Amino acid sequence: MKKTTANAAFLKGLRYMFWFALAVLSALFIFSVSISADEKLKLTNVLLGYIGVVITSLVIAFLVAYTGVKKGIEEGESSDTDIFRKNGKLNLNFFKRE
């Protein structure tokens, strides 16, 4: 059985955790905004809040994927130890499937 590269595992984990965290935090954000909507909401405040949700999702996904891949490297489940590079080049495009 061929072992996966650390970069491929990191990008796949980052992609899945980003979408999961974004869905959960978006639902929580919409729920909290709908509860506290006694007065008129400003669109800019809602958009700034949602930008915070996206950034928080990205940070959570990065931390989970990075620590997961580091643990996998320590256990010998990866064929290499280079998380952020593929063939010697920086590779962080987690929207592209490999």
PDB file of N, CA and C in Angstrom:
ATOM      1  N   MET A   1       0.840  -1.177   0.000  1.00  0.00           N
ATOM      2  CA  MET A   1       0.000   0.000   0.000  1.00  0.00           C
ATOM      3  C   MET A   1       0.887   1.243   0.000  1.00  0.00           C
ATOM      4  N   LYS A   2       0.608   2.164  -0.890  1.00  0.00           N
ATOM      5  CA  LYS A   2       1.407   3.379  -1.028  1.00  0.00           C
ATOM      6  C   LYS A   2       1.034   4.387   0.060  1.00  0.00           C
ATOM      7  N   LYS A   3       2.054   4.901   0.733  1.00  0.00           N
ATOM      8  CA  LYS A   3       1.811   5.920   1.754  1.00  0.00           C
ATOM      9  C   LYS A   3       1.582   7.263   1.077  1.00  0.00           C
ATOM     10  N   THR A   4       0.725   8.058   1.668  1.00  0.00           N
ATOM     11  CA  THR A   4       0.432   9.379   1.124  1.00  0.00           C
ATOM     12  C   THR A   4       1.506  10.367   1.564  1.00  0.00           C
ATOM     13  N   THR A   5       1.646  11.447   0.807  1.00  0.00           N
ATOM     14  CA  THR A   5       2.611  12.476   1.186  1.00  0.00           C
ATOM     15  C   THR A   5       2.013  13.353   2.275  1.00  0.00           C
ATOM     16  N   ALA A   6       2.882  13.990   3.022  1.00  0.00           N
ATOM     17  CA  ALA A   6       2.424  14.868   4.106  1.00  0.00           C
ATOM     18  C   ALA A   6       1.665  16.060   3.545  1.00  0.00           C
ATOM     19  N   ASN A   7       2.108  16.569   2.394  1.00  0.00           N
ATOM     20  CA  ASN A   7       1.437  17.722   1.796  1.00  0.00           C
ATOM     21  C   ASN A   7       0.024  17.378   1.363  1.00  0.00           C
ATOM     22  N   ALA A   8      -0.161  16.213   0.747  1.00  0.00           N
ATOM     23  CA  ALA A   8      -1.500  15.813   0.301  1.00  0.00           C
ATOM     24  C   ALA A   8      -2.430  15.601   1.489  1.00  0.00           C
ATOM     25  N   ALA A   9      -1.920  14.991   2.544  1.00  0.00           N
ATOM     26  CA  ALA A   9      -2.747  14.781   3.739  1.00  0.00           C
ATOM     27  C   ALA A   9      -3.102  16.105   4.397  1.00  0.00           C
ATOM     28  N   PHE A  10      -2.144  17.019   4.454  1.00  0.00           N
ATOM     29  CA  PHE A  10      -2.393  18.326   5.061  1.00  0.00           C
ATOM     30  C   PHE A  10      -3.438  19.100   4.270  1.00  0.00           C
ATOM     31  N   LEU A  11      -3.300  19.139   2.954  1.00  0.00           N
ATOM     32  CA  LEU A  11      -4.241  19.906   2.134  1.00  0.00           C
ATOM     33  C   LEU A  11      -5.644  19.306   2.181  1.00  0.00           C
ATOM     34  N   LYS A  12      -5.733  17.989   2.180  1.00  0.00           N
ATOM     35  CA  LYS A  12      -7.049  17.353   2.261  1.00  0.00           C
ATOM     36  C   LYS A  12      -7.691  17.617   3.617  1.00  0.00           C
ATOM     37  N   GLY A  13      -6.919  17.484   4.679  1.00  0.00           N
ATOM     38  CA  GLY A  13      -7.438  17.772   6.013  1.00  0.00           C
ATOM     39  C   GLY A  13      -7.829  19.226   6.173  1.00  0.00           C
ATOM     40  N   LEU A  14      -7.025  20.126   5.614  1.00  0.00           N
ATOM     41  CA  LEU A  14      -7.331  21.552   5.685  1.00  0.00           C
ATOM     42  C   LEU A  14      -8.621  21.867   4.940  1.00  0.00           C
ATOM     43  N   ARG A  15      -8.783  21.276   3.778  1.00  0.00           N
ATOM     44  CA  ARG A  15      -9.987  21.528   2.978  1.00  0.00           C
ATOM     45  C   ARG A  15     -11.241  21.045   3.706  1.00  0.00           C
ATOM     46  N   TYR A  16     -11.218  19.815   4.197  1.00  0.00           N
ATOM     47  CA  TYR A  16     -12.403  19.276   4.861  1.00  0.00           C
ATOM     48  C   TYR A  16     -12.701  19.985   6.177  1.00  0.00           C
ATOM     49  N   MET A  17     -11.673  20.273   6.964  1.00  0.00           N
ATOM     50  CA  MET A  17     -11.899  20.963   8.235  1.00  0.00           C
ATOM     51  C   MET A  17     -12.356  22.398   8.010  1.00  0.00           C
ATOM     52  N   PHE A  18     -11.866  23.054   6.951  1.00  0.00           N
ATOM     53  CA  PHE A  18     -12.301  24.418   6.661  1.00  0.00           C
ATOM     54  C   PHE A  18     -13.791  24.448   6.365  1.00  0.00           C
ATOM     55  N   TRP A  19     -14.254  23.556   5.504  1.00  0.00           N
ATOM     56  CA  TRP A  19     -15.674  23.565   5.152  1.00  0.00           C
ATOM     57  C   TRP A  19     -16.539  23.158   6.339  1.00  0.00           C
ATOM     58  N   PHE A  20     -16.071  22.211   7.155  1.00  0.00           N
ATOM     59  CA  PHE A  20     -16.831  21.803   8.338  1.00  0.00           C
ATOM     60  C   PHE A  20     -16.918  22.947   9.347  1.00  0.00           C
ATOM     61  N   ALA A  21     -15.777  23.565   9.643  1.00  0.00           N
ATOM     62  CA  ALA A  21     -15.767  24.672  10.608  1.00  0.00           C
ATOM     63  C   ALA A  21     -16.569  25.855  10.080  1.00  0.00           C
ATOM     64  N   LEU A  22     -16.486  26.108   8.779  1.00  0.00           N
ATOM     65  CA  LEU A  22     -17.244  27.214   8.193  1.00  0.00           C
ATOM     66  C   LEU A  22     -18.743  26.963   8.311  1.00  0.00           C
ATOM     67  N   ALA A  23     -19.173  25.739   8.060  1.00  0.00           N
ATOM     68  CA  ALA A  23     -20.602  25.428   8.164  1.00  0.00           C
ATOM     69  C   ALA A  23     -21.096  25.569   9.602  1.00  0.00           C
ATOM     70  N   VAL A  24     -20.336  25.045  10.548  1.00  0.00           N
ATOM     71  CA  VAL A  24     -20.751  25.112  11.955  1.00  0.00           C
ATOM     72  C   VAL A  24     -20.747  26.550  12.456  1.00  0.00           C
ATOM     73  N   LEU A  25     -19.672  27.284  12.187  1.00  0.00           N
ATOM     74  CA  LEU A  25     -19.591  28.667  12.664  1.00  0.00           C
ATOM     75  C   LEU A  25     -20.584  29.579  11.948  1.00  0.00           C
ATOM     76  N   SER A  26     -20.873  29.304  10.674  1.00  0.00           N
ATOM     77  CA  SER A  26     -21.879  30.100   9.960  1.00  0.00           C
ATOM     78  C   SER A  26     -23.260  29.895  10.562  1.00  0.00           C
ATOM     79  N   ALA A  27     -23.582  28.652  10.860  1.00  0.00           N
ATOM     80  CA  ALA A  27     -24.882  28.384  11.480  1.00  0.00           C
ATOM     81  C   ALA A  27     -24.979  29.055  12.844  1.00  0.00           C
ATOM     82  N   LEU A  28     -23.917  28.983  13.609  1.00  0.00           N
ATOM     83  CA  LEU A  28     -23.894  29.634  14.918  1.00  0.00           C
ATOM     84  C   LEU A  28     -23.996  31.153  14.782  1.00  0.00           C
ATOM     85  N   PHE A  29     -23.318  31.723  13.791  1.00  0.00           N
ATOM     86  CA  PHE A  29     -23.356  33.170  13.561  1.00  0.00           C
ATOM     87  C   PHE A  29     -24.755  33.618  13.151  1.00  0.00           C
ATOM     88  N   ILE A  30     -25.366  32.899  12.225  1.00  0.00           N
ATOM     89  CA  ILE A  30     -26.713  33.263  11.770  1.00  0.00           C
ATOM     90  C   ILE A  30     -27.716  33.121  12.913  1.00  0.00           C
ATOM     91  N   PHE A  31     -27.566  32.067  13.698  1.00  0.00           N
ATOM     92  CA  PHE A  31     -28.444  31.875  14.852  1.00  0.00           C
ATOM     93  C   PHE A  31     -28.294  33.010  15.862  1.00  0.00           C
ATOM     94  N   SER A  32     -27.068  33.393  16.154  1.00  0.00           N
ATOM     95  CA  SER A  32     -26.856  34.453  17.142  1.00  0.00           C
ATOM     96  C   SER A  32     -27.303  35.811  16.623  1.00  0.00           C
ATOM     97  N   VAL A  33     -27.156  36.060  15.326  1.00  0.00           N
ATOM     98  CA  VAL A  33     -27.624  37.326  14.754  1.00  0.00           C
ATOM     99  C   VAL A  33     -29.145  37.366  14.747  1.00  0.00           C
ATOM    100  N   SER A  34     -29.779  36.244  14.458  1.00  0.00           N
ATOM    101  CA  SER A  34     -31.244  36.236  14.423  1.00  0.00           C
ATOM    102  C   SER A  34     -31.845  36.391  15.818  1.00  0.00           C
ATOM    103  N   ILE A  35     -31.170  35.902  16.836  1.00  0.00           N
ATOM    104  CA  ILE A  35     -31.666  36.060  18.208  1.00  0.00           C
ATOM    105  C   ILE A  35     -31.579  37.515  18.653  1.00  0.00           C
ATOM    106  N   SER A  36     -30.483  38.168  18.326  1.00  0.00           N
ATOM    107  CA  SER A  36     -30.257  39.527  18.826  1.00  0.00           C
ATOM    108  C   SER A  36     -30.721  40.600  17.849  1.00  0.00           C
ATOM    109  N   ALA A  37     -31.616  40.277  16.965  1.00  0.00           N
ATOM    110  CA  ALA A  37     -32.056  41.228  15.940  1.00  0.00           C
ATOM    111  C   ALA A  37     -33.258  42.036  16.409  1.00  0.00           C
ATOM    112  N   ASP A  38     -33.184  42.627  17.589  1.00  0.00           N
ATOM    113  CA  ASP A  38     -34.271  43.473  18.078  1.00  0.00           C
ATOM    114  C   ASP A  38     -34.322  44.801  17.329  1.00  0.00           C
ATOM    115  N   GLU A  39     -33.159  45.311  17.020  1.00  0.00           N
ATOM    116  CA  GLU A  39     -33.106  46.571  16.287  1.00  0.00           C
ATOM    117  C   GLU A  39     -32.577  46.310  14.887  1.00  0.00           C
ATOM    118  N   LYS A  40     -32.601  47.323  14.064  1.00  0.00           N
ATOM    119  CA  LYS A  40     -32.183  47.171  12.678  1.00  0.00           C
ATOM    120  C   LYS A  40     -30.680  46.880  12.595  1.00  0.00           C
ATOM    121  N   LEU A  41     -30.320  45.903  11.781  1.00  0.00           N
ATOM    122  CA  LEU A  41     -28.922  45.518  11.628  1.00  0.00           C
ATOM    123  C   LEU A  41     -28.270  46.317  10.508  1.00  0.00           C
ATOM    124  N   LYS A  42     -27.014  46.641  10.699  1.00  0.00           N
ATOM    125  CA  LYS A  42     -26.242  47.270   9.635  1.00  0.00           C
ATOM    126  C   LYS A  42     -25.559  46.168   8.839  1.00  0.00           C
ATOM    127  N   LEU A  43     -25.659  46.270   7.534  1.00  0.00           N
ATOM    128  CA  LEU A  43     -25.089  45.243   6.671  1.00  0.00           C
ATOM    129  C   LEU A  43     -23.575  45.160   6.830  1.00  0.00           C
ATOM    130  N   THR A  44     -22.921  46.295   7.005  1.00  0.00           N
ATOM    131  CA  THR A  44     -21.462  46.269   7.145  1.00  0.00           C
ATOM    132  C   THR A  44     -21.039  45.523   8.407  1.00  0.00           C
ATOM    133  N   ASN A  45     -21.789  45.680   9.487  1.00  0.00           N
ATOM    134  CA  ASN A  45     -21.456  44.952  10.714  1.00  0.00           C
ATOM    135  C   ASN A  45     -21.639  43.448  10.540  1.00  0.00           C
ATOM    136  N   VAL A  46     -22.683  43.059   9.836  1.00  0.00           N
ATOM    137  CA  VAL A  46     -22.917  41.630   9.591  1.00  0.00           C
ATOM    138  C   VAL A  46     -21.819  41.063   8.693  1.00  0.00           C
ATOM    139  N   LEU A  47     -21.434  41.802   7.659  1.00  0.00           N
ATOM    140  CA  LEU A  47     -20.374  41.331   6.761  1.00  0.00           C
ATOM    141  C   LEU A  47     -19.030  41.249   7.477  1.00  0.00           C
ATOM    142  N   LEU A  48     -18.723  42.226   8.301  1.00  0.00           N
ATOM    143  CA  LEU A  48     -17.480  42.168   9.072  1.00  0.00           C
ATOM    144  C   LEU A  48     -17.492  40.987  10.038  1.00  0.00           C
ATOM    145  N   GLY A  49     -18.628  40.727  10.634  1.00  0.00           N
ATOM    146  CA  GLY A  49     -18.749  39.563  11.509  1.00  0.00           C
ATOM    147  C   GLY A  49     -18.552  38.266  10.749  1.00  0.00           C
ATOM    148  N   TYR A  50     -19.090  38.191   9.533  1.00  0.00           N
ATOM    149  CA  TYR A  50     -18.943  36.972   8.745  1.00  0.00           C
ATOM    150  C   TYR A  50     -17.509  36.798   8.251  1.00  0.00           C
ATOM    151  N   ILE A  51     -16.825  37.894   7.964  1.00  0.00           N
ATOM    152  CA  ILE A  51     -15.406  37.796   7.611  1.00  0.00           C
ATOM    153  C   ILE A  51     -14.630  37.199   8.783  1.00  0.00           C
ATOM    154  N   GLY A  52     -15.000  37.595   9.990  1.00  0.00           N
ATOM    155  CA  GLY A  52     -14.395  36.993  11.180  1.00  0.00           C
ATOM    156  C   GLY A  52     -14.668  35.507  11.277  1.00  0.00           C
ATOM    157  N   VAL A  53     -15.862  35.092  10.882  1.00  0.00           N
ATOM    158  CA  VAL A  53     -16.209  33.663  10.883  1.00  0.00           C
ATOM    159  C   VAL A  53     -15.323  32.904   9.899  1.00  0.00           C
ATOM    160  N   VAL A  54     -15.121  33.454   8.708  1.00  0.00           N
ATOM    161  CA  VAL A  54     -14.292  32.794   7.691  1.00  0.00           C
ATOM    162  C   VAL A  54     -12.841  32.695   8.163  1.00  0.00           C
ATOM    163  N   ILE A  55     -12.312  33.765   8.722  1.00  0.00           N
ATOM    164  CA  ILE A  55     -10.924  33.746   9.199  1.00  0.00           C
ATOM    165  C   ILE A  55     -10.766  32.763  10.359  1.00  0.00           C
ATOM    166  N   THR A  56     -11.725  32.752  11.263  1.00  0.00           N
ATOM    167  CA  THR A  56     -11.677  31.804  12.381  1.00  0.00           C
ATOM    168  C   THR A  56     -11.743  30.365  11.879  1.00  0.00           C
ATOM    169  N   SER A  57     -12.571  30.104  10.878  1.00  0.00           N
ATOM    170  CA  SER A  57     -12.661  28.760  10.297  1.00  0.00           C
ATOM    171  C   SER A  57     -11.332  28.343   9.685  1.00  0.00           C
ATOM    172  N   LEU A  58     -10.679  29.272   9.005  1.00  0.00           N
ATOM    173  CA  LEU A  58      -9.392  28.971   8.383  1.00  0.00           C
ATOM    174  C   LEU A  58      -8.325  28.676   9.435  1.00  0.00           C
ATOM    175  N   VAL A  59      -8.308  29.437  10.504  1.00  0.00           N
ATOM    176  CA  VAL A  59      -7.328  29.209  11.574  1.00  0.00           C
ATOM    177  C   VAL A  59      -7.576  27.866  12.259  1.00  0.00           C
ATOM    178  N   ILE A  60      -8.831  27.569  12.566  1.00  0.00           N
ATOM    179  CA  ILE A  60      -9.159  26.286  13.201  1.00  0.00           C
ATOM    180  C   ILE A  60      -8.770  25.128  12.291  1.00  0.00           C
ATOM    181  N   ALA A  61      -9.100  25.234  11.003  1.00  0.00           N
ATOM    182  CA  ALA A  61      -8.780  24.164  10.056  1.00  0.00           C
ATOM    183  C   ALA A  61      -7.272  23.975   9.938  1.00  0.00           C
ATOM    184  N   PHE A  62      -6.525  25.078   9.892  1.00  0.00           N
ATOM    185  CA  PHE A  62      -5.071  24.983   9.789  1.00  0.00           C
ATOM    186  C   PHE A  62      -4.489  24.277  11.009  1.00  0.00           C
ATOM    187  N   LEU A  63      -4.930  24.675  12.194  1.00  0.00           N
ATOM    188  CA  LEU A  63      -4.386  24.072  13.413  1.00  0.00           C
ATOM    189  C   LEU A  63      -4.714  22.586  13.514  1.00  0.00           C
ATOM    190  N   VAL A  64      -5.942  22.221  13.170  1.00  0.00           N
ATOM    191  CA  VAL A  64      -6.333  20.809  13.241  1.00  0.00           C
ATOM    192  C   VAL A  64      -5.569  19.983  12.209  1.00  0.00           C
ATOM    193  N   ALA A  65      -5.485  20.472  10.970  1.00  0.00           N
ATOM    194  CA  ALA A  65      -4.789  19.725   9.922  1.00  0.00           C
ATOM    195  C   ALA A  65      -3.293  19.623  10.221  1.00  0.00           C
ATOM    196  N   TYR A  66      -2.692  20.702  10.674  1.00  0.00           N
ATOM    197  CA  TYR A  66      -1.257  20.697  10.955  1.00  0.00           C
ATOM    198  C   TYR A  66      -0.913  19.732  12.087  1.00  0.00           C
ATOM    199  N   THR A  67      -1.659  19.806  13.184  1.00  0.00           N
ATOM    200  CA  THR A  67      -1.357  18.903  14.296  1.00  0.00           C
ATOM    201  C   THR A  67      -1.651  17.451  13.929  1.00  0.00           C
ATOM    202  N   GLY A  68      -2.691  17.228  13.132  1.00  0.00           N
ATOM    203  CA  GLY A  68      -2.992  15.866  12.696  1.00  0.00           C
ATOM    204  C   GLY A  68      -1.908  15.283  11.820  1.00  0.00           C
ATOM    205  N   VAL A  69      -1.400  16.070  10.888  1.00  0.00           N
ATOM    206  CA  VAL A  69      -0.341  15.586  10.000  1.00  0.00           C
ATOM    207  C   VAL A  69       0.966  15.410  10.773  1.00  0.00           C
ATOM    208  N   LYS A  70       1.249  16.310  11.704  1.00  0.00           N
ATOM    209  CA  LYS A  70       2.462  16.156  12.520  1.00  0.00           C
ATOM    210  C   LYS A  70       2.414  14.852  13.320  1.00  0.00           C
ATOM    211  N   LYS A  71       1.254  14.533  13.873  1.00  0.00           N
ATOM    212  CA  LYS A  71       1.108  13.265  14.604  1.00  0.00           C
ATOM    213  C   LYS A  71       1.272  12.077  13.651  1.00  0.00           C
ATOM    214  N   GLY A  72       0.733  12.208  12.436  1.00  0.00           N
ATOM    215  CA  GLY A  72       0.885  11.148  11.448  1.00  0.00           C
ATOM    216  C   GLY A  72       2.330  10.944  11.034  1.00  0.00           C
ATOM    217  N   ILE A  73       3.084  12.032  10.908  1.00  0.00           N
ATOM    218  CA  ILE A  73       4.503  11.928  10.567  1.00  0.00           C
ATOM    219  C   ILE A  73       5.262  11.241  11.700  1.00  0.00           C
ATOM    220  N   GLU A  74       4.951  11.603  12.936  1.00  0.00           N
ATOM    221  CA  GLU A  74       5.616  10.981  14.089  1.00  0.00           C
ATOM    222  C   GLU A  74       5.329   9.484  14.167  1.00  0.00           C
ATOM    223  N   GLU A  75       4.134   9.077  13.748  1.00  0.00           N
ATOM    224  CA  GLU A  75       3.765   7.659  13.784  1.00  0.00           C
ATOM    225  C   GLU A  75       4.238   6.900  12.548  1.00  0.00           C
ATOM    226  N   GLY A  76       4.810   7.592  11.578  1.00  0.00           N
ATOM    227  CA  GLY A  76       5.314   6.940  10.376  1.00  0.00           C
ATOM    228  C   GLY A  76       4.258   6.659   9.333  1.00  0.00           C
ATOM    229  N   GLU A  77       3.157   7.379   9.351  1.00  0.00           N
ATOM    230  CA  GLU A  77       2.077   7.138   8.402  1.00  0.00           C
ATOM    231  C   GLU A  77       2.228   7.942   7.116  1.00  0.00           C
ATOM    232  N   SER A  78       3.275   8.731   7.000  1.00  0.00           N
ATOM    233  CA  SER A  78       3.485   9.564   5.821  1.00  0.00           C
ATOM    234  C   SER A  78       4.772   9.137   5.126  1.00  0.00           C
ATOM    235  N   SER A  79       4.814   9.322   3.805  1.00  0.00           N
ATOM    236  CA  SER A  79       6.005   8.929   3.060  1.00  0.00           C
ATOM    237  C   SER A  79       7.102   9.982   3.122  1.00  0.00           C
ATOM    238  N   ASP A  80       6.783  11.196   3.579  1.00  0.00           N
ATOM    239  CA  ASP A  80       7.794  12.244   3.723  1.00  0.00           C
ATOM    240  C   ASP A  80       7.437  13.119   4.919  1.00  0.00           C
ATOM    241  N   THR A  81       8.265  14.122   5.164  1.00  0.00           N
ATOM    242  CA  THR A  81       8.027  15.007   6.309  1.00  0.00           C
ATOM    243  C   THR A  81       7.827  16.447   5.883  1.00  0.00           C
ATOM    244  N   ASP A  82       7.641  16.690   4.602  1.00  0.00           N
ATOM    245  CA  ASP A  82       7.535  18.055   4.087  1.00  0.00           C
ATOM    246  C   ASP A  82       6.063  18.417   3.908  1.00  0.00           C
ATOM    247  N   ILE A  83       5.508  19.145   4.881  1.00  0.00           N
ATOM    248  CA  ILE A  83       4.076  19.423   4.881  1.00  0.00           C
ATOM    249  C   ILE A  83       3.693  20.477   3.845  1.00  0.00           C
ATOM    250  N   PHE A  84       4.464  21.529   3.743  1.00  0.00           N
ATOM    251  CA  PHE A  84       4.054  22.673   2.937  1.00  0.00           C
ATOM    252  C   PHE A  84       4.596  22.664   1.514  1.00  0.00           C
ATOM    253  N   ARG A  85       5.346  21.664   1.135  1.00  0.00           N
ATOM    254  CA  ARG A  85       5.952  21.649  -0.196  1.00  0.00           C
ATOM    255  C   ARG A  85       5.619  20.360  -0.941  1.00  0.00           C
ATOM    256  N   LYS A  86       5.563  20.506  -2.263  1.00  0.00           N
ATOM    257  CA  LYS A  86       5.377  19.353  -3.142  1.00  0.00           C
ATOM    258  C   LYS A  86       6.399  19.484  -4.256  1.00  0.00           C
ATOM    259  N   ASN A  87       7.248  18.496  -4.404  1.00  0.00           N
ATOM    260  CA  ASN A  87       8.329  18.500  -5.389  1.00  0.00           C
ATOM    261  C   ASN A  87       9.229  19.719  -5.235  1.00  0.00           C
ATOM    262  N   GLY A  88       9.490  20.127  -4.006  1.00  0.00           N
ATOM    263  CA  GLY A  88      10.388  21.237  -3.738  1.00  0.00           C
ATOM    264  C   GLY A  88       9.777  22.614  -3.857  1.00  0.00           C
ATOM    265  N   LYS A  89       8.515  22.706  -4.254  1.00  0.00           N
ATOM    266  CA  LYS A  89       7.856  24.003  -4.415  1.00  0.00           C
ATOM    267  C   LYS A  89       6.773  24.168  -3.356  1.00  0.00           C
ATOM    268  N   LEU A  90       6.558  25.418  -2.945  1.00  0.00           N
ATOM    269  CA  LEU A  90       5.519  25.717  -1.973  1.00  0.00           C
ATOM    270  C   LEU A  90       4.160  25.343  -2.555  1.00  0.00           C
ATOM    271  N   ASN A  91       3.378  24.583  -1.815  1.00  0.00           N
ATOM    272  CA  ASN A  91       2.082  24.119  -2.298  1.00  0.00           C
ATOM    273  C   ASN A  91       1.068  24.213  -1.166  1.00  0.00           C
ATOM    274  N   LEU A  92       0.255  25.286  -1.177  1.00  0.00           N
ATOM    275  CA  LEU A  92      -0.767  25.472  -0.147  1.00  0.00           C
ATOM    276  C   LEU A  92      -2.154  25.668  -0.739  1.00  0.00           C
ATOM    277  N   ASN A  93      -2.381  25.262  -1.972  1.00  0.00           N
ATOM    278  CA  ASN A  93      -3.679  25.435  -2.614  1.00  0.00           C
ATOM    279  C   ASN A  93      -4.610  24.311  -2.173  1.00  0.00           C
ATOM    280  N   PHE A  94      -5.392  24.585  -1.118  1.00  0.00           N
ATOM    281  CA  PHE A  94      -6.243  23.523  -0.585  1.00  0.00           C
ATOM    282  C   PHE A  94      -7.578  23.433  -1.307  1.00  0.00           C
ATOM    283  N   PHE A  95      -7.839  24.284  -2.294  1.00  0.00           N
ATOM    284  CA  PHE A  95      -9.065  24.165  -3.084  1.00  0.00           C
ATOM    285  C   PHE A  95      -8.893  23.163  -4.225  1.00  0.00           C
ATOM    286  N   LYS A  96      -7.653  22.881  -4.604  1.00  0.00           N
ATOM    287  CA  LYS A  96      -7.373  21.968  -5.714  1.00  0.00           C
ATOM    288  C   LYS A  96      -7.268  20.539  -5.186  1.00  0.00           C
ATOM    289  N   ARG A  97      -7.974  19.647  -5.816  1.00  0.00           N
ATOM    290  CA  ARG A  97      -7.904  18.236  -5.422  1.00  0.00           C
ATOM    291  C   ARG A  97      -6.731  17.574  -6.120  1.00  0.00           C
ATOM    292  N   GLU A  98      -6.098  16.667  -5.396  1.00  0.00           N
ATOM    293  CA  GLU A  98      -4.944  15.962  -5.981  1.00  0.00           C
ATOM    294  C   GLU A  98      -5.315  14.547  -6.327  1.00  0.00           C
TER     295      GLU A  98
END
